[in-house]
Amino acid sequence: INAFIKKYDYKTFLEIGLDEGHCRDNVDIELKESVDPSDVCDNPTYKTTSDHFFELQSLRQNPCTYDIIFVDGLHEANQVYRDIINSLKFLNEGGTILCHDIMPPHELSQVVPRMSGQWCGDCWKAWVKLLSERSDLDMYVVTEDYGVGVIRKGNRSVSKEMNKPIDKMDWDFYRSVKNKMNYISYEEFCGKMDWML
């Protein structure tokens, strides 16, 4: 997150899914806001669901917009997909969306509802759906910390072989499309950013 803030001189940040606030507290930016409905999370800016937050924003005459948005809320594919689509509506020109947990390490780690301590949920399904339908987004996944997906406006070919309803995607499908999900190493990411963390 801080690499993008530094490279593009971002000023505004939104985190969807705050938990204990460790990520937010380490983000170095002028304006930090967060959305989380949980009673156990650490003092979110907006104590509500992301769906409700974005609905309220769409009703405002001057809605909040952000340079960088981190999607790390409810780790269920349909919700992650909605969070990304909604985030795109409130993303400033030249902005970036980051999505956590796009690279589950094993099958049990992506089962919903949660069945293991090491859990990514099925966020990867939302990623695959976007790859199969949006040619206006540049998308890649940094292979660190269970996979951090990066979304920026751009141009690319859609991956039609990934076009499958979310509820029909299973672990065998993940294994069959994994090599087409645009994974890059941390070193490749640093080369893209011209900045070592």
Protein backbone atom coordinates (compact mmCIF):
# COMPACT_ATOMS: atom_id res chain seq x y z
CA ILE A 1 0.00 0.00 0.00
CA ASN A 2 2.74 2.42 0.97
CA ALA A 3 4.64 1.63 -2.24
CA PHE A 4 1.69 2.85 -4.32
CA ILE A 5 1.19 5.89 -2.09
CA LYS A 6 4.82 6.87 -2.53
CA LYS A 7 4.98 6.20 -6.28
CA TYR A 8 1.78 8.05 -7.17
CA ASP A 9 1.69 10.61 -4.37
CA TYR A 10 -1.69 9.40 -3.18
CA LYS A 11 -3.56 11.39 -0.53
CA THR A 12 -6.70 9.36 0.30
CA PHE A 13 -7.07 5.74 1.45
CA LEU A 14 -10.07 3.50 2.19
CA GLU A 15 -9.81 0.12 3.87
CA ILE A 16 -12.72 -2.31 3.60
CA GLY A 17 -12.46 -4.71 6.52
CA LEU A 18 -10.52 -3.18 9.38
CA ASP A 19 -10.16 -5.97 11.95
CA GLU A 20 -7.66 -4.79 14.60
CA GLY A 21 -6.41 -1.90 12.49
CA HIS A 22 -2.83 -3.14 11.98
CA CYS A 23 -2.88 -2.37 8.27
CA ARG A 24 -4.54 1.05 8.64
CA ASP A 25 -2.14 2.07 11.41
CA ASN A 26 0.88 1.42 9.18
CA VAL A 27 -0.42 3.23 6.10
CA ASP A 28 1.40 6.54 5.59
CA ILE A 29 -1.11 8.88 3.95
CA GLU A 30 -2.93 12.16 4.66
CA LEU A 31 -6.48 10.77 4.90
CA LYS A 32 -7.30 7.24 6.09
CA GLU A 33 -10.86 5.92 6.28
CA SER A 34 -12.20 2.46 7.02
CA VAL A 35 -15.42 0.46 6.82
CA ASP A 36 -16.27 -2.48 9.08
CA PRO A 37 -19.52 -3.54 10.76
CA SER A 38 -17.92 -5.77 13.39
CA ASP A 39 -18.16 -4.97 17.10
CA VAL A 40 -14.62 -6.28 17.64
CA CYS A 41 -12.81 -4.15 15.06
CA ASP A 42 -10.72 -1.15 16.07
CA ASN A 43 -12.72 2.07 15.64
CA PRO A 44 -13.65 2.16 11.94
CA THR A 45 -14.55 5.47 10.32
CA TYR A 46 -17.81 3.90 9.15
CA LYS A 47 -19.26 1.14 11.34
CA THR A 48 -21.42 -0.49 8.70
CA THR A 49 -21.26 -3.03 5.90
CA SER A 50 -19.41 -2.11 2.73
CA ASP A 51 -22.64 -2.52 0.73
CA HIS A 52 -24.39 0.02 2.94
CA PHE A 53 -21.39 2.35 2.90
CA PHE A 54 -21.26 2.42 -0.90
CA GLU A 55 -25.03 2.80 -1.13
CA LEU A 56 -24.83 5.88 1.11
CA GLN A 57 -21.92 7.27 -0.92
CA SER A 58 -23.91 6.93 -4.13
CA LEU A 59 -26.71 9.02 -2.61
CA ARG A 60 -24.42 11.88 -1.57
CA GLN A 61 -24.16 14.98 -3.71
CA ASN A 62 -20.38 15.01 -3.16
CA PRO A 63 -19.41 11.40 -2.43
CA CYS A 64 -16.02 10.52 -0.99
CA THR A 65 -13.52 9.30 -3.56
CA TYR A 66 -10.18 7.65 -2.93
CA ASP A 67 -6.75 7.27 -4.49
CA ILE A 68 -6.19 3.79 -3.08
CA ILE A 69 -8.67 1.24 -1.73
CA PHE A 70 -7.78 -1.96 0.12
CA VAL A 71 -10.41 -4.71 -0.14
CA ASP A 72 -9.99 -7.08 2.82
CA GLY A 73 -13.49 -7.46 4.26
CA LEU A 74 -15.80 -10.46 4.13
CA HIS A 75 -13.76 -13.16 2.40
CA GLU A 76 -16.60 -14.50 0.26
CA ALA A 77 -16.40 -14.26 -3.52
CA ASN A 78 -19.70 -12.53 -4.23
CA GLN A 79 -19.02 -9.89 -1.58
CA VAL A 80 -15.44 -9.36 -2.76
CA TYR A 81 -16.72 -8.95 -6.31
CA ARG A 82 -19.27 -6.33 -5.19
CA ASP A 83 -16.63 -4.54 -3.12
CA ILE A 84 -14.33 -4.28 -6.14
CA ILE A 85 -17.09 -3.13 -8.50
CA ASN A 86 -18.27 -0.54 -5.97
CA SER A 87 -14.71 0.59 -5.26
CA LEU A 88 -14.16 1.26 -8.95
CA LYS A 89 -17.04 3.76 -8.85
CA PHE A 90 -15.34 5.79 -6.11
CA LEU A 91 -11.73 5.47 -7.27
CA ASN A 92 -9.96 8.64 -8.35
CA GLU A 93 -8.33 8.87 -11.78
CA GLY A 94 -4.99 7.06 -11.62
CA GLY A 95 -6.07 5.21 -8.48
CA THR A 96 -5.38 1.66 -7.35
CA ILE A 97 -7.44 -1.08 -5.73
CA LEU A 98 -5.63 -3.77 -3.74
CA CYS A 99 -7.32 -7.05 -2.82
CA HIS A 100 -6.02 -9.41 -0.14
CA ASP A 101 -6.08 -13.24 -0.09
CA ILE A 102 -6.22 -13.93 -3.83
CA MET A 103 -3.79 -16.90 -3.62
CA PRO A 104 -5.07 -19.59 -1.22
CA PRO A 105 -2.25 -21.99 -0.24
CA HIS A 106 -4.44 -25.11 -0.14
CA GLU A 107 -8.02 -26.22 -0.73
CA LEU A 108 -9.18 -26.03 2.88
CA SER A 109 -7.94 -22.44 3.19
CA GLN A 110 -10.51 -21.28 0.62
CA VAL A 111 -13.55 -23.18 1.83
CA VAL A 112 -16.54 -21.01 2.84
CA PRO A 113 -17.64 -21.04 5.60
CA ARG A 114 -14.27 -21.05 7.33
CA MET A 115 -12.93 -24.49 8.24
CA SER A 116 -9.23 -23.82 8.88
CA GLY A 117 -6.99 -21.48 10.87
CA GLN A 118 -5.15 -20.42 7.72
CA TRP A 119 -8.02 -18.88 5.73
CA CYS A 120 -8.26 -16.79 2.58
CA GLY A 121 -11.88 -17.52 1.80
CA ASP A 122 -12.78 -17.81 -1.87
CA CYS A 123 -11.68 -14.29 -2.86
CA TRP A 124 -9.88 -15.82 -5.84
CA LYS A 125 -13.24 -16.48 -7.52
CA ALA A 126 -14.04 -12.76 -7.65
CA TRP A 127 -10.62 -12.17 -9.21
CA VAL A 128 -11.19 -14.82 -11.87
CA LYS A 129 -14.64 -13.40 -12.68
CA LEU A 130 -13.14 -9.94 -13.24
CA LEU A 131 -10.37 -11.38 -15.44
CA SER A 132 -13.04 -13.03 -17.57
CA GLU A 133 -15.19 -9.93 -18.12
CA ARG A 134 -13.27 -6.66 -17.71
CA SER A 135 -10.90 -5.62 -20.51
CA ASP A 136 -10.56 -2.11 -19.03
CA LEU A 137 -8.59 -3.21 -15.96
CA ASP A 138 -4.89 -3.97 -15.58
CA MET A 139 -4.76 -6.80 -13.01
CA TYR A 140 -1.96 -8.80 -11.41
CA VAL A 141 -1.35 -10.59 -8.11
CA VAL A 142 1.81 -10.17 -6.03
CA THR A 143 2.67 -13.59 -4.59
CA GLU A 144 3.19 -12.40 -1.00
CA ASP A 145 0.95 -12.63 2.07
CA TYR A 146 -1.59 -15.02 0.46
CA GLY A 147 -1.64 -12.97 -2.73
CA VAL A 148 -2.26 -9.24 -3.06
CA GLY A 149 -4.27 -8.42 -6.15
CA VAL A 150 -3.58 -5.09 -7.87
CA ILE A 151 -6.21 -3.40 -10.04
CA ARG A 152 -5.67 -0.24 -12.07
CA LYS A 153 -7.41 1.15 -15.13
CA GLY A 154 -5.81 -0.18 -18.29
CA ASN A 155 -6.33 -2.38 -21.33
CA ARG A 156 -5.94 -6.13 -21.73
CA SER A 157 -7.61 -9.10 -23.32
CA VAL A 158 -10.28 -10.83 -21.27
CA SER A 159 -9.63 -14.45 -20.31
CA LYS A 160 -12.74 -16.10 -21.75
CA GLU A 161 -11.62 -19.57 -20.65
CA MET A 162 -12.15 -18.31 -17.08
CA ASN A 163 -15.76 -17.33 -17.78
CA LYS A 164 -17.72 -19.42 -15.31
CA PRO A 165 -20.35 -18.55 -12.68
CA ILE A 166 -18.84 -18.07 -9.22
CA ASP A 167 -20.99 -20.83 -7.74
CA LYS A 168 -19.61 -23.28 -10.32
CA MET A 169 -15.95 -22.55 -9.53
CA ASP A 170 -14.25 -25.22 -7.42
CA TRP A 171 -10.71 -26.12 -6.39
CA ASP A 172 -10.08 -28.11 -9.58
CA PHE A 173 -11.09 -25.04 -11.59
CA TYR A 174 -8.70 -22.89 -9.50
CA ARG A 175 -5.84 -25.26 -10.26
CA SER A 176 -6.72 -25.18 -13.96
CA VAL A 177 -6.68 -21.35 -14.17
CA LYS A 178 -4.07 -20.51 -11.54
CA ASN A 179 -1.32 -19.94 -14.11
CA LYS A 180 -3.54 -17.43 -15.93
CA MET A 181 -4.29 -15.24 -12.90
CA ASN A 182 -1.32 -12.92 -13.58
CA TYR A 183 0.87 -13.78 -10.59
CA ILE A 184 4.12 -11.87 -10.20
CA SER A 185 6.89 -12.24 -7.62
CA TYR A 186 7.78 -9.67 -5.00
CA GLU A 187 10.95 -8.91 -6.98
CA GLU A 188 8.95 -8.30 -10.16
CA PHE A 189 6.60 -6.05 -8.18
CA CYS A 190 9.53 -4.01 -6.87
CA GLY A 191 10.77 -3.64 -10.44
CA LYS A 192 7.35 -2.34 -11.52
CA MET A 193 7.32 0.13 -8.65
CA ASP A 194 10.99 1.15 -8.91
CA TRP A 195 11.00 0.97 -5.14
CA MET A 196 12.15 -1.64 -2.63
CA LEU A 197 10.02 -2.02 0.48
